[in-house]
Amino acid sequence: MSTDNNALVVFQGKEIRRRWHDERWYFSVIDIIAVLTESTVPRRYWSDLKIKLSDEGFELYEKIVQLKLPSADGKKYETDCADTEVMFRIIQSIPSPKAEPFKRWLAKVGYERVQEIENPEIAMRRMRELYRSKGYSEDWVEKRVRGIAIRDELTNEWQKRGVKEEREYAILTAEISKATFGLTPSEYKKIKGLQRENLRDHMTDLELIFNMLGERATTAIAQSKNAQGFGENKDVAHRGGNVAGDARKKLEQETGEKVVTPENYLQEPERVKRLSHKKK
């Protein structure tokens, strides 16, 4: 399973970005400071804390890693990150009533990743539980989980065919989306009023279905044509997206309704349930 699908974890309702790197989780230091201190300027707090830790002899430059994490504008930026061990040391220097429960939580999410590597079914089960806890319907959850599996198959295929860089993955994904929905992911998110949120987590049943069709068709075409390198796979991405795009247009002609909708799942749980069932 792609670690991108688990790039956000939640502590007491607050999202914390993380990335799997060098066989362990690295967490955004800024996000954790924001949770523990509730500071309106966590970057300034972190800047002051780095000076304090350095004065105490804790050599941060050897332990803090800059990794690209998604920001509010949807782009990825170099962000100060630390693994679980280093985060424990940083947390000790932050006076907060949340420090102890956060340490227990941090140890737990770190250990869960080890379990997930050994048994991917555990990751899938936890994912289902997370979506259910947010109020999504059972049918929607199954589609979302299946969509994640299809996405993983596609990115694995791209990797085998010489597509390596994250930027290239993003371009190919945008190519499929444009051909499927007539929108790039960033344009799509604007219609739904999203910022940092994962677009797929805010798709309706039909949007998920056509998204899956576009990505699965792209995988099938890449395999049948033996597409190699970024250029050939970009052409295949467009063709795969067209398969889903043609089907979407046909459905819209039959129903007189647009598949793409501004509806999202940012609202209260009851609305989440209504939207999950609306397109049945």
C-alpha atoms as a PDB file:
ATOM      1  CA  MET A   1       0.000   0.000   0.000  1.00  0.00           C
ATOM      2  CA  SER A   2       1.268   3.463  -0.853  1.00  0.00           C
ATOM      3  CA  THR A   3       2.385   5.434   2.187  1.00  0.00           C
ATOM      4  CA  ASP A   4       0.858   8.555   0.633  1.00  0.00           C
ATOM      5  CA  ASN A   5      -2.512   7.156   1.627  1.00  0.00           C
ATOM      6  CA  ASN A   6      -1.430   7.329   5.268  1.00  0.00           C
ATOM      7  CA  ALA A   7       0.355  10.683   5.052  1.00  0.00           C
ATOM      8  CA  LEU A   8      -2.037  12.296   7.534  1.00  0.00           C
ATOM      9  CA  VAL A   9      -2.783  11.133  11.057  1.00  0.00           C
ATOM     10  CA  VAL A  10      -5.121  12.734  13.553  1.00  0.00           C
ATOM     11  CA  PHE A  11      -4.526  13.509  17.230  1.00  0.00           C
ATOM     12  CA  GLN A  12      -7.536  14.883  19.128  1.00  0.00           C
ATOM     13  CA  GLY A  13      -9.067  16.203  15.923  1.00  0.00           C
ATOM     14  CA  LYS A  14      -5.864  17.858  14.662  1.00  0.00           C
ATOM     15  CA  GLU A  15      -4.158  16.667  11.476  1.00  0.00           C
ATOM     16  CA  ILE A  16      -0.437  15.899  11.518  1.00  0.00           C
ATOM     17  CA  ARG A  17       1.504  15.337   8.317  1.00  0.00           C
ATOM     18  CA  ARG A  18       4.016  12.525   8.121  1.00  0.00           C
ATOM     19  CA  ARG A  19       6.127  10.665   5.564  1.00  0.00           C
ATOM     20  CA  TRP A  20       7.670   7.206   5.467  1.00  0.00           C
ATOM     21  CA  HIS A  21      11.421   7.733   5.003  1.00  0.00           C
ATOM     22  CA  ASP A  22      14.429   5.493   5.679  1.00  0.00           C
ATOM     23  CA  GLU A  23      12.131   2.711   6.922  1.00  0.00           C
ATOM     24  CA  ARG A  24      10.428   4.809   9.596  1.00  0.00           C
ATOM     25  CA  TRP A  25       7.887   7.564   9.999  1.00  0.00           C
ATOM     26  CA  TYR A  26       8.970  11.202  10.042  1.00  0.00           C
ATOM     27  CA  PHE A  27       6.473  13.731  11.412  1.00  0.00           C
ATOM     28  CA  SER A  28       6.086  17.424  10.671  1.00  0.00           C
ATOM     29  CA  VAL A  29       7.574  19.253  13.648  1.00  0.00           C
ATOM     30  CA  ILE A  30       5.491  22.368  12.962  1.00  0.00           C
ATOM     31  CA  ASP A  31       2.253  20.362  12.997  1.00  0.00           C
ATOM     32  CA  ILE A  32       3.093  18.732  16.313  1.00  0.00           C
ATOM     33  CA  ILE A  33       4.095  22.043  17.898  1.00  0.00           C
ATOM     34  CA  ALA A  34       0.802  23.540  16.707  1.00  0.00           C
ATOM     35  CA  VAL A  35      -1.101  20.696  18.387  1.00  0.00           C
ATOM     36  CA  LEU A  36       0.793  20.818  21.693  1.00  0.00           C
ATOM     37  CA  THR A  37       1.084  24.579  22.107  1.00  0.00           C
ATOM     38  CA  GLU A  38      -1.972  25.852  20.191  1.00  0.00           C
ATOM     39  CA  SER A  39       0.338  28.673  19.135  1.00  0.00           C
ATOM     40  CA  THR A  40      -0.923  30.969  16.387  1.00  0.00           C
ATOM     41  CA  VAL A  41       2.639  31.151  15.045  1.00  0.00           C
ATOM     42  CA  PRO A  42       4.071  27.613  15.479  1.00  0.00           C
ATOM     43  CA  ARG A  43       6.961  28.387  13.120  1.00  0.00           C
ATOM     44  CA  ARG A  44       8.194  31.136  15.434  1.00  0.00           C
ATOM     45  CA  TYR A  45       7.758  28.814  18.429  1.00  0.00           C
ATOM     46  CA  TRP A  46       9.838  26.174  16.634  1.00  0.00           C
ATOM     47  CA  SER A  47      12.505  28.715  15.734  1.00  0.00           C
ATOM     48  CA  ASP A  48      12.855  29.741  19.397  1.00  0.00           C
ATOM     49  CA  LEU A  49      12.762  26.106  20.539  1.00  0.00           C
ATOM     50  CA  LYS A  50      15.605  25.152  18.191  1.00  0.00           C
ATOM     51  CA  ILE A  51      17.806  27.785  19.839  1.00  0.00           C
ATOM     52  CA  LYS A  52      16.867  26.472  23.287  1.00  0.00           C
ATOM     53  CA  LEU A  53      17.592  22.847  22.346  1.00  0.00           C
ATOM     54  CA  SER A  54      20.898  23.825  20.780  1.00  0.00           C
ATOM     55  CA  ASP A  55      21.912  25.656  23.964  1.00  0.00           C
ATOM     56  CA  GLU A  56      21.112  22.433  25.858  1.00  0.00           C
ATOM     57  CA  GLY A  57      23.504  20.500  23.633  1.00  0.00           C
ATOM     58  CA  PHE A  58      20.915  18.787  21.446  1.00  0.00           C
ATOM     59  CA  GLU A  59      22.390  18.903  17.920  1.00  0.00           C
ATOM     60  CA  LEU A  60      19.271  19.266  15.810  1.00  0.00           C
ATOM     61  CA  TYR A  61      21.020  19.697  12.463  1.00  0.00           C
ATOM     62  CA  GLU A  62      22.042  16.024  12.663  1.00  0.00           C
ATOM     63  CA  LYS A  63      18.545  14.819  13.515  1.00  0.00           C
ATOM     64  CA  ILE A  64      16.042  17.024  11.690  1.00  0.00           C
ATOM     65  CA  VAL A  65      15.317  16.018   8.098  1.00  0.00           C
ATOM     66  CA  GLN A  66      13.662  18.241   5.509  1.00  0.00           C
ATOM     67  CA  LEU A  67      11.058  16.304   3.534  1.00  0.00           C
ATOM     68  CA  LYS A  68       8.526  17.467   0.996  1.00  0.00           C
ATOM     69  CA  LEU A  69       5.053  17.547   2.531  1.00  0.00           C
ATOM     70  CA  PRO A  70       1.782  18.883   1.077  1.00  0.00           C
ATOM     71  CA  SER A  71       0.825  22.417   2.106  1.00  0.00           C
ATOM     72  CA  ALA A  72      -2.487  24.273   2.201  1.00  0.00           C
ATOM     73  CA  ASP A  73      -2.087  25.313  -1.439  1.00  0.00           C
ATOM     74  CA  GLY A  74      -1.830  21.682  -2.555  1.00  0.00           C
ATOM     75  CA  LYS A  75       1.884  21.934  -3.394  1.00  0.00           C
ATOM     76  CA  LYS A  76       4.696  20.145  -1.567  1.00  0.00           C
ATOM     77  CA  TYR A  77       7.385  22.074   0.300  1.00  0.00           C
ATOM     78  CA  GLU A  78      10.509  21.157   2.229  1.00  0.00           C
ATOM     79  CA  THR A  79       9.389  20.827   5.849  1.00  0.00           C
ATOM     80  CA  ASP A  80      11.317  20.130   9.067  1.00  0.00           C
ATOM     81  CA  CYS A  81      10.555  16.549  10.091  1.00  0.00           C
ATOM     82  CA  ALA A  82      11.722  14.235  12.852  1.00  0.00           C
ATOM     83  CA  ASP A  83      11.341  10.545  13.554  1.00  0.00           C
ATOM     84  CA  THR A  84       9.600   9.207  16.648  1.00  0.00           C
ATOM     85  CA  GLU A  85      12.716   9.151  18.818  1.00  0.00           C
ATOM     86  CA  VAL A  86      13.665  12.757  18.062  1.00  0.00           C
ATOM     87  CA  MET A  87      10.066  13.910  18.436  1.00  0.00           C
ATOM     88  CA  PHE A  88      10.025  12.476  21.970  1.00  0.00           C
ATOM     89  CA  ARG A  89      13.019  14.689  22.820  1.00  0.00           C
ATOM     90  CA  ILE A  90      11.380  17.761  21.293  1.00  0.00           C
ATOM     91  CA  ILE A  91       8.103  17.099  23.114  1.00  0.00           C
ATOM     92  CA  GLN A  92       9.956  16.953  26.437  1.00  0.00           C
ATOM     93  CA  SER A  93      10.956  20.590  25.929  1.00  0.00           C
ATOM     94  CA  ILE A  94       7.386  21.763  25.331  1.00  0.00           C
ATOM     95  CA  PRO A  95       5.362  22.494  28.471  1.00  0.00           C
ATOM     96  CA  SER A  96       1.915  21.167  27.575  1.00  0.00           C
ATOM     97  CA  PRO A  97      -0.790  19.144  29.357  1.00  0.00           C
ATOM     98  CA  LYS A  98      -1.105  17.172  26.117  1.00  0.00           C
ATOM     99  CA  ALA A  99       2.537  16.023  26.181  1.00  0.00           C
ATOM    100  CA  GLU A 100       2.050  12.653  27.893  1.00  0.00           C
ATOM    101  CA  PRO A 101      -1.025  11.509  25.953  1.00  0.00           C
ATOM    102  CA  PHE A 102       0.707  12.704  22.775  1.00  0.00           C
ATOM    103  CA  LYS A 103       3.776  10.584  23.548  1.00  0.00           C
ATOM    104  CA  ARG A 104       1.578   7.504  23.929  1.00  0.00           C
ATOM    105  CA  TRP A 105      -0.216   8.338  20.697  1.00  0.00           C
ATOM    106  CA  LEU A 106       3.078   8.904  18.860  1.00  0.00           C
ATOM    107  CA  ALA A 107       4.450   5.550  19.990  1.00  0.00           C
ATOM    108  CA  LYS A 108       1.238   3.877  18.879  1.00  0.00           C
ATOM    109  CA  VAL A 109       1.125   5.298  15.348  1.00  0.00           C
ATOM    110  CA  GLY A 110       4.804   4.476  14.873  1.00  0.00           C
ATOM    111  CA  TYR A 111       4.270   0.864  15.888  1.00  0.00           C
ATOM    112  CA  GLU A 112       1.173   0.527  13.725  1.00  0.00           C
ATOM    113  CA  ARG A 113       3.227   1.167  10.605  1.00  0.00           C
ATOM    114  CA  VAL A 114       5.476  -1.791  11.438  1.00  0.00           C
ATOM    115  CA  GLN A 115       2.376  -3.956  11.780  1.00  0.00           C
ATOM    116  CA  GLU A 116       1.011  -2.698   8.471  1.00  0.00           C
ATOM    117  CA  ILE A 117       4.217  -3.604   6.622  1.00  0.00           C
ATOM    118  CA  GLU A 118       4.071  -7.127   8.012  1.00  0.00           C
ATOM    119  CA  ASN A 119       0.347  -7.483   7.248  1.00  0.00           C
ATOM    120  CA  PRO A 120      -1.152  -5.016   4.701  1.00  0.00           C
ATOM    121  CA  GLU A 121      -4.657  -6.201   5.595  1.00  0.00           C
ATOM    122  CA  ILE A 122      -4.253  -4.421   8.942  1.00  0.00           C
ATOM    123  CA  ALA A 123      -3.705  -1.121   7.098  1.00  0.00           C
ATOM    124  CA  MET A 124      -6.811  -1.676   4.992  1.00  0.00           C
ATOM    125  CA  ARG A 125      -8.877  -2.500   8.080  1.00  0.00           C
ATOM    126  CA  ARG A 126      -7.676   0.615   9.905  1.00  0.00           C
ATOM    127  CA  MET A 127      -8.434   2.715   6.858  1.00  0.00           C
ATOM    128  CA  ARG A 128     -12.001   1.416   6.742  1.00  0.00           C
ATOM    129  CA  GLU A 129     -12.429   2.109  10.454  1.00  0.00           C
ATOM    130  CA  LEU A 130     -11.150   5.671  10.033  1.00  0.00           C
ATOM    131  CA  TYR A 131     -13.624   6.466   7.248  1.00  0.00           C
ATOM    132  CA  ARG A 132     -16.491   4.873   9.152  1.00  0.00           C
ATOM    133  CA  SER A 133     -15.642   6.957  12.215  1.00  0.00           C
ATOM    134  CA  LYS A 134     -15.982  10.080  10.060  1.00  0.00           C
ATOM    135  CA  GLY A 135     -19.507   9.080   9.105  1.00  0.00           C
ATOM    136  CA  TYR A 136     -19.002   7.755   5.585  1.00  0.00           C
ATOM    137  CA  SER A 137     -21.415   5.044   4.424  1.00  0.00           C
ATOM    138  CA  GLU A 138     -20.268   1.439   4.076  1.00  0.00           C
ATOM    139  CA  ASP A 139     -20.769   1.497   0.287  1.00  0.00           C
ATOM    140  CA  TRP A 140     -18.719   4.693  -0.054  1.00  0.00           C
ATOM    141  CA  VAL A 141     -15.914   3.251   2.103  1.00  0.00           C
ATOM    142  CA  GLU A 142     -15.685   0.128  -0.059  1.00  0.00           C
ATOM    143  CA  LYS A 143     -15.410   2.241  -3.210  1.00  0.00           C
ATOM    144  CA  ARG A 144     -12.772   4.465  -1.635  1.00  0.00           C
ATOM    145  CA  VAL A 145     -10.686   1.499  -0.498  1.00  0.00           C
ATOM    146  CA  ARG A 146     -10.975  -0.132  -3.913  1.00  0.00           C
ATOM    147  CA  GLY A 147      -9.947   3.152  -5.506  1.00  0.00           C
ATOM    148  CA  ILE A 148      -6.821   3.233  -3.356  1.00  0.00           C
ATOM    149  CA  ALA A 149      -5.894  -0.281  -4.508  1.00  0.00           C
ATOM    150  CA  ILE A 150      -6.389   0.709  -8.158  1.00  0.00           C
ATOM    151  CA  ARG A 151      -4.269   3.825  -7.634  1.00  0.00           C
ATOM    152  CA  ASP A 152      -1.488   1.726  -6.098  1.00  0.00           C
ATOM    153  CA  GLU A 153      -1.580  -0.666  -9.069  1.00  0.00           C
ATOM    154  CA  LEU A 154      -1.228   2.300 -11.413  1.00  0.00           C
ATOM    155  CA  THR A 155       1.683   3.958  -9.586  1.00  0.00           C
ATOM    156  CA  ASN A 156       3.466   0.597  -9.343  1.00  0.00           C
ATOM    157  CA  GLU A 157       3.020   0.185 -13.090  1.00  0.00           C
ATOM    158  CA  TRP A 158       4.395   3.676 -13.707  1.00  0.00           C
ATOM    159  CA  GLN A 159       7.412   2.936 -11.566  1.00  0.00           C
ATOM    160  CA  LYS A 160       8.144  -0.266 -13.502  1.00  0.00           C
ATOM    161  CA  ARG A 161       7.860   1.705 -16.739  1.00  0.00           C
ATOM    162  CA  GLY A 162      10.415   4.351 -15.867  1.00  0.00           C
ATOM    163  CA  VAL A 163       8.261   7.072 -14.287  1.00  0.00           C
ATOM    164  CA  LYS A 164      10.133   7.972 -11.110  1.00  0.00           C
ATOM    165  CA  GLU A 165       9.736  11.580 -10.003  1.00  0.00           C
ATOM    166  CA  GLU A 166       6.815  12.872  -7.937  1.00  0.00           C
ATOM    167  CA  ARG A 167       6.420  15.737 -10.400  1.00  0.00           C
ATOM    168  CA  GLU A 168       5.915  13.261 -13.241  1.00  0.00           C
ATOM    169  CA  TYR A 169       3.346  11.322 -11.186  1.00  0.00           C
ATOM    170  CA  ALA A 170       1.459  14.572 -10.609  1.00  0.00           C
ATOM    171  CA  ILE A 171       1.477  15.443 -14.330  1.00  0.00           C
ATOM    172  CA  LEU A 172       0.211  11.995 -15.330  1.00  0.00           C
ATOM    173  CA  THR A 173      -2.500  12.128 -12.655  1.00  0.00           C
ATOM    174  CA  ALA A 174      -3.600  15.529 -13.923  1.00  0.00           C
ATOM    175  CA  GLU A 175      -3.689  14.149 -17.475  1.00  0.00           C
ATOM    176  CA  ILE A 176      -6.076  11.356 -16.427  1.00  0.00           C
ATOM    177  CA  SER A 177      -8.240  13.736 -14.409  1.00  0.00           C
ATOM    178  CA  LYS A 178      -8.475  16.279 -17.239  1.00  0.00           C
ATOM    179  CA  ALA A 179      -9.552  13.612 -19.716  1.00  0.00           C
ATOM    180  CA  THR A 180     -11.965  11.978 -17.240  1.00  0.00           C
ATOM    181  CA  PHE A 181     -13.639  15.022 -15.705  1.00  0.00           C
ATOM    182  CA  GLY A 182     -12.497  17.951 -17.837  1.00  0.00           C
ATOM    183  CA  LEU A 183     -10.639  19.259 -14.783  1.00  0.00           C
ATOM    184  CA  THR A 184      -7.157  18.995 -13.325  1.00  0.00           C
ATOM    185  CA  PRO A 185      -7.050  17.991  -9.626  1.00  0.00           C
ATOM    186  CA  SER A 186      -6.324  21.596  -8.577  1.00  0.00           C
ATOM    187  CA  GLU A 187      -9.288  22.876 -10.611  1.00  0.00           C
ATOM    188  CA  TYR A 188     -11.457  20.111  -9.203  1.00  0.00           C
ATOM    189  CA  LYS A 189     -10.519  21.036  -5.626  1.00  0.00           C
ATOM    190  CA  LYS A 190     -11.499  24.658  -6.238  1.00  0.00           C
ATOM    191  CA  ILE A 191     -14.968  23.572  -7.361  1.00  0.00           C
ATOM    192  CA  LYS A 192     -15.363  21.579  -4.150  1.00  0.00           C
ATOM    193  CA  GLY A 193     -13.938  24.336  -1.952  1.00  0.00           C
ATOM    194  CA  LEU A 194     -11.004  22.225  -0.759  1.00  0.00           C
ATOM    195  CA  GLN A 195      -7.528  23.295   0.312  1.00  0.00           C
ATOM    196  CA  ARG A 196      -5.284  20.783   2.091  1.00  0.00           C
ATOM    197  CA  GLU A 197      -7.939  18.064   1.986  1.00  0.00           C
ATOM    198  CA  ASN A 198      -7.559  14.947  -0.152  1.00  0.00           C
ATOM    199  CA  LEU A 199      -9.774  15.389  -3.230  1.00  0.00           C
ATOM    200  CA  ARG A 200     -10.755  11.713  -3.387  1.00  0.00           C
ATOM    201  CA  ASP A 201     -12.042  11.830   0.182  1.00  0.00           C
ATOM    202  CA  HIS A 202     -14.601  14.372  -1.024  1.00  0.00           C
ATOM    203  CA  MET A 203     -15.834  12.619  -4.143  1.00  0.00           C
ATOM    204  CA  THR A 204     -19.358  11.242  -4.427  1.00  0.00           C
ATOM    205  CA  ASP A 205     -19.978   7.604  -5.353  1.00  0.00           C
ATOM    206  CA  LEU A 206     -20.134   8.366  -9.085  1.00  0.00           C
ATOM    207  CA  GLU A 207     -17.049  10.566  -9.006  1.00  0.00           C
ATOM    208  CA  LEU A 208     -15.117   7.756  -7.322  1.00  0.00           C
ATOM    209  CA  ILE A 209     -16.350   5.230  -9.890  1.00  0.00           C
ATOM    210  CA  PHE A 210     -15.251   7.304 -12.894  1.00  0.00           C
ATOM    211  CA  ASN A 211     -11.967   8.153 -11.202  1.00  0.00           C
ATOM    212  CA  MET A 212     -11.313   4.432 -10.733  1.00  0.00           C
ATOM    213  CA  LEU A 213     -12.263   3.705 -14.338  1.00  0.00           C
ATOM    214  CA  GLY A 214      -9.817   6.304 -15.669  1.00  0.00           C
ATOM    215  CA  GLU A 215      -6.929   4.980 -13.581  1.00  0.00           C
ATOM    216  CA  ARG A 216      -7.683   1.296 -14.171  1.00  0.00           C
ATOM    217  CA  ALA A 217      -8.023   1.897 -17.923  1.00  0.00           C
ATOM    218  CA  THR A 218      -4.672   3.686 -17.910  1.00  0.00           C
ATOM    219  CA  THR A 219      -3.018   0.703 -16.227  1.00  0.00           C
ATOM    220  CA  ALA A 220      -4.541  -1.724 -18.739  1.00  0.00           C
ATOM    221  CA  ILE A 221      -3.493   0.363 -21.753  1.00  0.00           C
ATOM    222  CA  ALA A 222       0.055   0.834 -20.404  1.00  0.00           C
ATOM    223  CA  GLN A 223       0.369  -2.934 -20.057  1.00  0.00           C
ATOM    224  CA  SER A 224      -1.097  -3.723 -23.472  1.00  0.00           C
ATOM    225  CA  LYS A 225       1.031  -1.098 -25.270  1.00  0.00           C
ATOM    226  CA  ASN A 226       4.117  -1.725 -23.116  1.00  0.00           C
ATOM    227  CA  ALA A 227       4.474   2.041 -22.624  1.00  0.00           C
ATOM    228  CA  GLN A 228       7.939   3.079 -21.479  1.00  0.00           C
ATOM    229  CA  GLY A 229       9.137   6.371 -20.023  1.00  0.00           C
ATOM    230  CA  PHE A 230       7.302   9.546 -19.146  1.00  0.00           C
ATOM    231  CA  GLY A 231       6.373  10.595 -22.685  1.00  0.00           C
ATOM    232  CA  GLU A 232       4.682   7.345 -23.696  1.00  0.00           C
ATOM    233  CA  ASN A 233       2.909   7.040 -20.353  1.00  0.00           C
ATOM    234  CA  LYS A 234       1.598  10.590 -20.631  1.00  0.00           C
ATOM    235  CA  ASP A 235      -0.082   9.648 -23.905  1.00  0.00           C
ATOM    236  CA  VAL A 236      -1.481   6.497 -22.284  1.00  0.00           C
ATOM    237  CA  ALA A 237      -2.758   8.522 -19.300  1.00  0.00           C
ATOM    238  CA  HIS A 238      -4.710  10.749 -21.680  1.00  0.00           C
ATOM    239  CA  ARG A 239      -6.159   7.728 -23.491  1.00  0.00           C
ATOM    240  CA  GLY A 240      -7.087   5.988 -20.252  1.00  0.00           C
ATOM    241  CA  GLY A 241      -8.767   9.129 -18.989  1.00  0.00           C
ATOM    242  CA  ASN A 242     -10.691   9.412 -22.266  1.00  0.00           C
ATOM    243  CA  VAL A 243     -12.213   5.979 -21.681  1.00  0.00           C
ATOM    244  CA  ALA A 244     -13.700   7.236 -18.407  1.00  0.00           C
ATOM    245  CA  GLY A 245     -14.457  10.669 -19.865  1.00  0.00           C
ATOM    246  CA  ASP A 246     -16.511   9.205 -22.715  1.00  0.00           C
ATOM    247  CA  ALA A 247     -18.468   7.044 -20.258  1.00  0.00           C
ATOM    248  CA  ARG A 248     -19.079  10.066 -18.002  1.00  0.00           C
ATOM    249  CA  LYS A 249     -20.392  12.160 -20.888  1.00  0.00           C
ATOM    250  CA  LYS A 250     -22.692   9.336 -21.972  1.00  0.00           C
ATOM    251  CA  LEU A 251     -24.150   9.049 -18.473  1.00  0.00           C
ATOM    252  CA  GLU A 252     -24.639  12.811 -18.263  1.00  0.00           C
ATOM    253  CA  GLN A 253     -26.543  12.713 -21.567  1.00  0.00           C
ATOM    254  CA  GLU A 254     -28.785   9.921 -20.271  1.00  0.00           C
ATOM    255  CA  THR A 255     -29.508  11.479 -16.872  1.00  0.00           C
ATOM    256  CA  GLY A 256     -29.303  15.171 -17.666  1.00  0.00           C
ATOM    257  CA  GLU A 257     -27.132  15.633 -14.549  1.00  0.00           C
ATOM    258  CA  LYS A 258     -23.459  16.470 -14.178  1.00  0.00           C
ATOM    259  CA  VAL A 259     -21.222  13.894 -12.524  1.00  0.00           C
ATOM    260  CA  VAL A 260     -18.830  16.493 -11.120  1.00  0.00           C
ATOM    261  CA  THR A 261     -20.415  18.272  -8.171  1.00  0.00           C
ATOM    262  CA  PRO A 262     -19.301  20.993  -5.739  1.00  0.00           C
ATOM    263  CA  GLU A 263     -20.504  18.801  -2.855  1.00  0.00           C
ATOM    264  CA  ASN A 264     -17.849  17.796  -0.330  1.00  0.00           C
ATOM    265  CA  TYR A 265     -17.631  15.953   2.980  1.00  0.00           C
ATOM    266  CA  LEU A 266     -16.463  18.870   5.096  1.00  0.00           C
ATOM    267  CA  GLN A 267     -19.887  19.080   6.725  1.00  0.00           C
ATOM    268  CA  GLU A 268     -21.346  17.351   9.753  1.00  0.00           C
ATOM    269  CA  PRO A 269     -21.514  13.501   9.834  1.00  0.00           C
ATOM    270  CA  GLU A 270     -25.222  13.340   8.952  1.00  0.00           C
ATOM    271  CA  ARG A 271     -24.582  15.269   5.744  1.00  0.00           C
ATOM    272  CA  VAL A 272     -21.689  12.921   4.976  1.00  0.00           C
ATOM    273  CA  LYS A 273     -24.101   9.998   5.141  1.00  0.00           C
ATOM    274  CA  ARG A 274     -26.667  11.717   2.921  1.00  0.00           C
ATOM    275  CA  LEU A 275     -24.075  12.538   0.275  1.00  0.00           C
ATOM    276  CA  SER A 276     -22.667   9.002   0.356  1.00  0.00           C
ATOM    277  CA  HIS A 277     -26.103   7.616  -0.512  1.00  0.00           C
ATOM    278  CA  LYS A 278     -27.314  10.382  -2.810  1.00  0.00           C
ATOM    279  CA  LYS A 279     -26.040   8.951  -6.084  1.00  0.00           C
ATOM    280  CA  LYS A 280     -27.395   5.426  -5.569  1.00  0.00           C
END
